[in-house]
Amino acid sequence: MLEPVATIGSILTFIVFLIGLVGVRASSKQTDAVYYPSFFLAVCGLTFLAIASMVNKEFLGAPLGGWGIACMFSAAIGFILTSMFDVYKNSKSISEN
């Protein structure tokens, strides 16, 4: 059970990393919209964890609780990486003014 959860978490983290990087680079001003993918994954993770306590189902080799843990892991890493990119971009724009 650990291997599918780690694989799913790694894939989701990479996807959120790319979406956050593209979102920060594409935005022309300071916005919170770049954090929405990580927020969406956090909500999905909490939903999966809540459903896992009531239903014992597996999807792609991992139970729903594993999917919840993987989503929460990728959301946390996504928030951290996106905030680092956002801070770096905004600090460059502040120092230029």
Protein backbone atom coordinates (compact mmCIF):
# COMPACT_ATOMS: atom_id res chain seq x y z
CA MET A 1 0.00 0.00 0.00
CA LEU A 2 2.90 2.38 0.59
CA GLU A 3 4.27 2.20 -2.94
CA PRO A 4 1.05 3.22 -4.78
CA VAL A 5 0.43 6.06 -2.33
CA ALA A 6 3.99 7.36 -2.72
CA THR A 7 3.73 7.11 -6.50
CA ILE A 8 0.38 8.90 -6.59
CA GLY A 9 1.69 11.60 -4.23
CA SER A 10 4.80 12.13 -6.36
CA ILE A 11 2.80 12.43 -9.56
CA LEU A 12 0.29 14.85 -8.02
CA THR A 13 3.15 16.90 -6.54
CA PHE A 14 4.83 17.20 -9.93
CA ILE A 15 1.56 18.24 -11.59
CA VAL A 16 0.84 20.88 -8.93
CA PHE A 17 4.45 22.08 -9.19
CA LEU A 18 4.11 22.61 -12.94
CA ILE A 19 0.71 24.30 -12.66
CA GLY A 20 2.02 26.61 -9.92
CA LEU A 21 5.17 27.47 -11.86
CA VAL A 22 3.22 28.24 -15.03
CA GLY A 23 0.65 30.21 -13.05
CA VAL A 24 3.25 32.37 -11.33
CA ARG A 25 5.15 33.00 -14.56
CA ALA A 26 1.96 33.82 -16.51
CA SER A 27 0.42 36.20 -13.98
CA SER A 28 1.28 39.83 -14.55
CA LYS A 29 0.34 41.05 -11.09
CA GLN A 30 0.14 39.77 -7.55
CA THR A 31 -2.77 37.31 -7.36
CA ASP A 32 -3.94 34.44 -5.19
CA ALA A 33 -5.19 32.39 -8.14
CA VAL A 34 -1.88 30.50 -8.38
CA TYR A 35 -2.68 28.81 -5.05
CA TYR A 36 -6.04 27.38 -6.20
CA PRO A 37 -4.67 24.03 -7.49
CA SER A 38 -3.04 23.29 -4.13
CA PHE A 39 -6.16 24.38 -2.29
CA PHE A 40 -8.26 22.12 -4.53
CA LEU A 41 -5.98 19.15 -3.76
CA ALA A 42 -6.19 19.87 -0.03
CA VAL A 43 -10.00 19.85 -0.19
CA CYS A 44 -9.94 16.63 -2.24
CA GLY A 45 -7.56 15.06 0.28
CA LEU A 46 -9.82 15.91 3.20
CA THR A 47 -12.81 14.57 1.27
CA PHE A 48 -11.02 11.31 0.48
CA LEU A 49 -10.03 10.92 4.14
CA ALA A 50 -13.60 11.55 5.29
CA ILE A 51 -15.04 9.06 2.79
CA ALA A 52 -12.37 6.46 3.63
CA SER A 53 -13.68 6.21 7.19
CA MET A 54 -17.08 5.12 5.85
CA VAL A 55 -16.22 3.12 2.70
CA ASN A 56 -13.54 0.49 2.18
CA LYS A 57 -12.76 0.89 -1.54
CA GLU A 58 -9.52 0.85 -3.52
CA PHE A 59 -8.69 2.74 -6.68
CA LEU A 60 -5.52 2.07 -8.71
CA GLY A 61 -4.06 -0.06 -5.93
CA ALA A 62 -4.48 2.47 -3.14
CA PRO A 63 -7.39 2.82 -0.70
CA LEU A 64 -9.25 6.11 -0.48
CA GLY A 65 -7.36 7.02 2.68
CA GLY A 66 -4.11 6.62 0.76
CA TRP A 67 -5.44 8.92 -1.94
CA GLY A 68 -6.30 11.44 0.77
CA ILE A 69 -2.81 11.27 2.24
CA ALA A 70 -1.25 11.61 -1.23
CA CYS A 71 -3.43 14.63 -2.03
CA MET A 72 -2.63 16.31 1.29
CA PHE A 73 1.11 15.68 0.78
CA SER A 74 1.08 17.12 -2.72
CA ALA A 75 -1.02 20.11 -1.63
CA ALA A 76 1.44 20.95 1.15
CA ILE A 77 4.46 20.70 -1.13
CA GLY A 78 2.57 22.61 -3.84
CA PHE A 79 1.77 25.46 -1.43
CA ILE A 80 5.41 25.68 -0.36
CA LEU A 81 6.87 25.66 -3.88
CA THR A 82 4.27 28.04 -5.31
CA SER A 83 4.78 30.50 -2.46
CA MET A 84 8.55 30.43 -3.01
CA PHE A 85 8.10 31.21 -6.73
CA ASP A 86 5.53 33.91 -5.95
CA VAL A 87 7.73 35.59 -3.34
CA TYR A 88 10.72 35.56 -5.68
CA LYS A 89 8.70 37.09 -8.52
CA ASN A 90 7.15 39.77 -6.31
CA SER A 91 10.48 40.65 -4.69
CA LYS A 92 11.98 41.24 -8.14
CA SER A 93 9.08 43.48 -9.14
CA ILE A 94 9.32 45.47 -5.88
CA SER A 95 13.07 46.00 -6.20
CA GLU A 96 12.65 47.25 -9.79
CA ASN A 97 10.20 49.97 -8.70
